[in-house]
Amino acid sequence: MIAGVVTEVCVAFPALPALEAGYDVFVVTNASGTFNQITRHAAWDRMSQAGAQLMSWFGVACELHRDWRNDVEGLAAVFSSHVPDYRNLIASHAALTATR
């Protein structure tokens, strides 16, 4: 998984050779930045066409967590503090399961 300050440099420069060497590369798109939207999309396109998989920090966290039966409350708390829509989902789930 790669993220960096400047997408077309700090992310693309290590991602492209890693792909050429046969590594799986996951680019964390919303944990990287750049100077403008055109440059960002060009870098994403270049890496994606070379075989990189583009994902968000939320997707990375979920993939690393894998089994939602373990520590759901811990990860849910992190998500809830950073993603308002997820906070609403957890509140709805808690209300539903409390009535059972």
N, C-alpha and C. Protein backbone atom coordinates (compact mmCIF):
# COMPACT_ATOMS: atom_id res chain seq x y z
N MET A 1 0.85 -1.16 0.00
CA MET A 1 0.00 0.00 0.00
C MET A 1 0.90 1.23 0.00
N ILE A 2 0.58 2.12 -0.88
CA ILE A 2 1.40 3.32 -1.04
C ILE A 2 0.52 4.56 -0.97
N ALA A 3 0.99 5.55 -0.23
CA ALA A 3 0.40 6.88 -0.21
C ALA A 3 1.57 7.85 -0.13
N GLY A 4 1.33 9.09 -0.50
CA GLY A 4 2.42 10.05 -0.45
C GLY A 4 1.94 11.47 -0.56
N VAL A 5 2.83 12.39 -0.32
CA VAL A 5 2.49 13.80 -0.34
C VAL A 5 2.07 14.25 -1.74
N VAL A 6 2.84 13.86 -2.75
CA VAL A 6 2.56 14.27 -4.13
C VAL A 6 2.33 13.00 -4.95
N THR A 7 1.10 12.79 -5.40
CA THR A 7 0.69 11.54 -6.04
C THR A 7 1.57 11.16 -7.23
N GLU A 8 1.81 12.10 -8.13
CA GLU A 8 2.53 11.77 -9.36
C GLU A 8 4.02 11.55 -9.14
N VAL A 9 4.52 11.88 -7.95
CA VAL A 9 5.94 11.68 -7.66
C VAL A 9 6.11 10.65 -6.53
N CYS A 10 5.66 11.01 -5.34
CA CYS A 10 5.89 10.19 -4.15
C CYS A 10 5.15 8.85 -4.21
N VAL A 11 4.09 8.78 -4.98
CA VAL A 11 3.33 7.54 -5.11
C VAL A 11 3.70 6.82 -6.41
N ALA A 12 3.66 7.52 -7.52
CA ALA A 12 3.90 6.87 -8.81
C ALA A 12 5.33 6.36 -8.94
N PHE A 13 6.33 7.11 -8.46
CA PHE A 13 7.72 6.69 -8.63
C PHE A 13 8.01 5.33 -8.00
N PRO A 14 7.55 5.05 -6.78
CA PRO A 14 7.78 3.69 -6.25
C PRO A 14 6.76 2.66 -6.76
N ALA A 15 5.55 3.10 -7.08
CA ALA A 15 4.50 2.16 -7.50
C ALA A 15 4.82 1.51 -8.84
N LEU A 16 5.24 2.28 -9.81
CA LEU A 16 5.48 1.75 -11.15
C LEU A 16 6.61 0.71 -11.20
N PRO A 17 7.76 0.97 -10.58
CA PRO A 17 8.80 -0.08 -10.57
C PRO A 17 8.38 -1.31 -9.76
N ALA A 18 7.61 -1.10 -8.70
CA ALA A 18 7.14 -2.25 -7.91
C ALA A 18 6.23 -3.13 -8.75
N LEU A 19 5.36 -2.51 -9.55
CA LEU A 19 4.51 -3.28 -10.45
C LEU A 19 5.35 -4.03 -11.48
N GLU A 20 6.34 -3.35 -12.04
CA GLU A 20 7.23 -4.00 -13.03
C GLU A 20 7.97 -5.19 -12.42
N ALA A 21 8.26 -5.12 -11.11
CA ALA A 21 8.97 -6.20 -10.43
C ALA A 21 8.03 -7.33 -10.01
N GLY A 22 6.74 -7.15 -10.29
CA GLY A 22 5.78 -8.21 -10.00
C GLY A 22 5.03 -8.09 -8.68
N TYR A 23 5.19 -6.99 -7.99
CA TYR A 23 4.49 -6.79 -6.72
C TYR A 23 3.05 -6.33 -6.97
N ASP A 24 2.16 -6.69 -6.04
CA ASP A 24 0.83 -6.11 -6.03
C ASP A 24 0.95 -4.74 -5.40
N VAL A 25 0.37 -3.74 -6.03
CA VAL A 25 0.46 -2.37 -5.52
C VAL A 25 -0.95 -1.83 -5.31
N PHE A 26 -1.17 -1.31 -4.12
CA PHE A 26 -2.44 -0.69 -3.76
C PHE A 26 -2.16 0.77 -3.46
N VAL A 27 -2.78 1.66 -4.20
CA VAL A 27 -2.58 3.09 -4.04
C VAL A 27 -3.73 3.64 -3.21
N VAL A 28 -3.39 4.25 -2.08
CA VAL A 28 -4.41 4.83 -1.20
C VAL A 28 -4.67 6.25 -1.68
N THR A 29 -5.71 6.37 -2.50
CA THR A 29 -5.95 7.61 -3.24
C THR A 29 -6.25 8.81 -2.35
N ASN A 30 -7.03 8.61 -1.30
CA ASN A 30 -7.40 9.76 -0.49
C ASN A 30 -6.45 9.98 0.69
N ALA A 31 -5.30 9.32 0.65
CA ALA A 31 -4.25 9.60 1.63
C ALA A 31 -3.04 10.20 0.91
N SER A 32 -3.24 10.63 -0.31
CA SER A 32 -2.19 11.23 -1.12
C SER A 32 -2.71 12.55 -1.69
N GLY A 33 -1.81 13.42 -2.03
CA GLY A 33 -2.23 14.72 -2.56
C GLY A 33 -1.47 15.09 -3.80
N THR A 34 -1.81 16.23 -4.34
CA THR A 34 -1.08 16.80 -5.48
C THR A 34 -1.52 18.24 -5.65
N PHE A 35 -1.12 18.87 -6.74
CA PHE A 35 -1.37 20.28 -6.91
C PHE A 35 -2.64 20.61 -7.67
N ASN A 36 -3.14 19.66 -8.47
CA ASN A 36 -4.39 19.92 -9.17
C ASN A 36 -5.06 18.61 -9.58
N GLN A 37 -6.32 18.70 -9.91
CA GLN A 37 -7.15 17.54 -10.21
C GLN A 37 -6.68 16.81 -11.48
N ILE A 38 -6.28 17.54 -12.49
CA ILE A 38 -5.84 16.91 -13.75
C ILE A 38 -4.61 16.04 -13.51
N THR A 39 -3.66 16.57 -12.77
CA THR A 39 -2.44 15.82 -12.46
C THR A 39 -2.75 14.59 -11.63
N ARG A 40 -3.63 14.74 -10.67
CA ARG A 40 -4.02 13.61 -9.81
C ARG A 40 -4.62 12.49 -10.65
N HIS A 41 -5.57 12.83 -11.51
CA HIS A 41 -6.23 11.82 -12.33
C HIS A 41 -5.28 11.19 -13.34
N ALA A 42 -4.37 11.97 -13.88
CA ALA A 42 -3.39 11.43 -14.82
C ALA A 42 -2.49 10.41 -14.11
N ALA A 43 -2.07 10.73 -12.89
CA ALA A 43 -1.23 9.79 -12.13
C ALA A 43 -2.01 8.53 -11.78
N TRP A 44 -3.26 8.68 -11.35
CA TRP A 44 -4.09 7.50 -11.04
C TRP A 44 -4.27 6.64 -12.28
N ASP A 45 -4.55 7.27 -13.42
CA ASP A 45 -4.74 6.51 -14.66
C ASP A 45 -3.46 5.75 -15.03
N ARG A 46 -2.34 6.42 -14.94
CA ARG A 46 -1.07 5.80 -15.29
C ARG A 46 -0.79 4.58 -14.42
N MET A 47 -0.98 4.73 -13.10
CA MET A 47 -0.71 3.61 -12.19
C MET A 47 -1.74 2.50 -12.37
N SER A 48 -2.98 2.87 -12.55
CA SER A 48 -4.05 1.88 -12.73
C SER A 48 -3.82 1.07 -14.01
N GLN A 49 -3.47 1.74 -15.09
CA GLN A 49 -3.22 1.05 -16.35
C GLN A 49 -2.00 0.13 -16.26
N ALA A 50 -1.09 0.44 -15.35
CA ALA A 50 0.08 -0.41 -15.14
C ALA A 50 -0.24 -1.59 -14.22
N GLY A 51 -1.43 -1.56 -13.58
CA GLY A 51 -1.84 -2.69 -12.75
C GLY A 51 -2.06 -2.38 -11.29
N ALA A 52 -1.86 -1.14 -10.89
CA ALA A 52 -2.11 -0.78 -9.48
C ALA A 52 -3.60 -0.80 -9.19
N GLN A 53 -3.93 -1.15 -7.97
CA GLN A 53 -5.31 -1.12 -7.52
C GLN A 53 -5.50 0.15 -6.69
N LEU A 54 -6.49 0.96 -7.07
CA LEU A 54 -6.75 2.21 -6.37
C LEU A 54 -7.79 1.95 -5.28
N MET A 55 -7.52 2.43 -4.08
CA MET A 55 -8.46 2.28 -2.97
C MET A 55 -8.41 3.49 -2.06
N SER A 56 -9.38 3.54 -1.14
CA SER A 56 -9.44 4.63 -0.16
C SER A 56 -8.88 4.13 1.17
N TRP A 57 -8.63 5.06 2.09
CA TRP A 57 -8.15 4.66 3.41
C TRP A 57 -9.19 3.79 4.11
N PHE A 58 -10.47 4.06 3.85
CA PHE A 58 -11.54 3.27 4.45
C PHE A 58 -11.47 1.83 3.94
N GLY A 59 -11.27 1.66 2.64
CA GLY A 59 -11.14 0.32 2.07
C GLY A 59 -9.92 -0.42 2.61
N VAL A 60 -8.82 0.29 2.76
CA VAL A 60 -7.61 -0.31 3.32
C VAL A 60 -7.87 -0.79 4.74
N ALA A 61 -8.48 0.06 5.55
CA ALA A 61 -8.76 -0.32 6.94
C ALA A 61 -9.67 -1.54 7.01
N CYS A 62 -10.70 -1.56 6.18
CA CYS A 62 -11.62 -2.70 6.17
C CYS A 62 -10.92 -3.97 5.72
N GLU A 63 -10.08 -3.85 4.71
CA GLU A 63 -9.37 -5.02 4.22
C GLU A 63 -8.38 -5.55 5.25
N LEU A 64 -7.70 -4.67 5.95
CA LEU A 64 -6.78 -5.10 6.99
C LEU A 64 -7.52 -5.73 8.17
N HIS A 65 -8.68 -5.21 8.46
CA HIS A 65 -9.49 -5.74 9.57
C HIS A 65 -10.03 -7.12 9.24
N ARG A 66 -10.48 -7.31 8.04
CA ARG A 66 -11.00 -8.57 7.47
C ARG A 66 -12.22 -9.15 8.18
N ASP A 67 -12.11 -9.54 9.42
CA ASP A 67 -13.18 -10.28 10.10
C ASP A 67 -13.94 -9.34 11.03
N TRP A 68 -15.14 -8.97 10.62
CA TRP A 68 -15.93 -8.01 11.37
C TRP A 68 -16.47 -8.58 12.68
N ARG A 69 -16.31 -9.86 12.91
CA ARG A 69 -16.75 -10.45 14.19
C ARG A 69 -15.78 -10.13 15.30
N ASN A 70 -14.59 -9.70 14.96
CA ASN A 70 -13.56 -9.38 15.95
C ASN A 70 -13.36 -7.87 16.03
N ASP A 71 -13.45 -7.33 17.22
CA ASP A 71 -13.15 -5.92 17.47
C ASP A 71 -13.98 -4.96 16.63
N VAL A 72 -15.22 -5.30 16.40
CA VAL A 72 -16.09 -4.42 15.62
C VAL A 72 -16.22 -3.05 16.29
N GLU A 73 -16.38 -3.07 17.60
CA GLU A 73 -16.55 -1.79 18.31
C GLU A 73 -15.33 -0.89 18.18
N GLY A 74 -14.13 -1.48 18.21
CA GLY A 74 -12.92 -0.67 18.11
C GLY A 74 -12.79 0.01 16.77
N LEU A 75 -12.95 -0.75 15.69
CA LEU A 75 -12.84 -0.17 14.36
C LEU A 75 -14.02 0.75 14.08
N ALA A 76 -15.20 0.35 14.53
CA ALA A 76 -16.38 1.20 14.33
C ALA A 76 -16.20 2.55 15.01
N ALA A 77 -15.55 2.57 16.15
CA ALA A 77 -15.30 3.84 16.85
C ALA A 77 -14.37 4.73 16.05
N VAL A 78 -13.34 4.14 15.46
CA VAL A 78 -12.42 4.92 14.62
C VAL A 78 -13.16 5.48 13.41
N PHE A 79 -13.91 4.61 12.73
CA PHE A 79 -14.67 5.06 11.56
C PHE A 79 -15.68 6.12 11.94
N SER A 80 -16.38 5.91 13.04
CA SER A 80 -17.42 6.85 13.45
C SER A 80 -16.85 8.23 13.75
N SER A 81 -15.63 8.27 14.25
CA SER A 81 -15.04 9.57 14.57
C SER A 81 -14.54 10.31 13.33
N HIS A 82 -14.39 9.61 12.20
CA HIS A 82 -13.87 10.23 10.99
C HIS A 82 -14.85 10.29 9.83
N VAL A 83 -15.89 9.47 9.87
CA VAL A 83 -16.83 9.38 8.75
C VAL A 83 -18.26 9.53 9.28
N PRO A 84 -18.85 10.72 9.16
CA PRO A 84 -20.19 10.93 9.70
C PRO A 84 -21.24 9.95 9.18
N ASP A 85 -21.18 9.59 7.91
CA ASP A 85 -22.15 8.63 7.38
C ASP A 85 -22.00 7.28 8.05
N TYR A 86 -20.78 6.89 8.36
CA TYR A 86 -20.56 5.63 9.05
C TYR A 86 -21.10 5.70 10.48
N ARG A 87 -20.95 6.86 11.10
CA ARG A 87 -21.49 7.06 12.46
C ARG A 87 -23.00 6.82 12.44
N ASN A 88 -23.68 7.31 11.40
CA ASN A 88 -25.12 7.09 11.27
C ASN A 88 -25.43 5.61 11.09
N LEU A 89 -24.63 4.92 10.30
CA LEU A 89 -24.82 3.48 10.08
C LEU A 89 -24.68 2.72 11.40
N ILE A 90 -23.66 3.02 12.17
CA ILE A 90 -23.43 2.33 13.44
C ILE A 90 -24.57 2.64 14.41
N ALA A 91 -25.03 3.88 14.46
CA ALA A 91 -26.15 4.23 15.34
C ALA A 91 -27.41 3.45 14.95
N SER A 92 -27.67 3.33 13.66
CA SER A 92 -28.83 2.57 13.20
C SER A 92 -28.68 1.09 13.55
N HIS A 93 -27.50 0.54 13.34
CA HIS A 93 -27.24 -0.86 13.67
C HIS A 93 -27.42 -1.09 15.18
N ALA A 94 -26.87 -0.20 15.98
CA ALA A 94 -26.99 -0.34 17.44
C ALA A 94 -28.45 -0.29 17.88
N ALA A 95 -29.22 0.61 17.29
CA ALA A 95 -30.65 0.73 17.64
C ALA A 95 -31.41 -0.54 17.23
N LEU A 96 -31.08 -1.08 16.08
CA LEU A 96 -31.75 -2.29 15.59
C LEU A 96 -31.41 -3.49 16.46
N THR A 97 -30.15 -3.66 16.76
CA THR A 97 -29.75 -4.84 17.54
C THR A 97 -30.15 -4.72 19.01
N ALA A 98 -30.35 -3.51 19.51
CA ALA A 98 -30.77 -3.33 20.91
C ALA A 98 -32.22 -3.77 21.10
N THR A 99 -33.02 -3.73 20.05
CA THR A 99 -34.43 -4.11 20.16
C THR A 99 -34.62 -5.62 20.05
N ARG A 100 -33.60 -6.36 19.71
CA ARG A 100 -33.73 -7.80 19.54
C ARG A 100 -33.60 -8.54 20.83
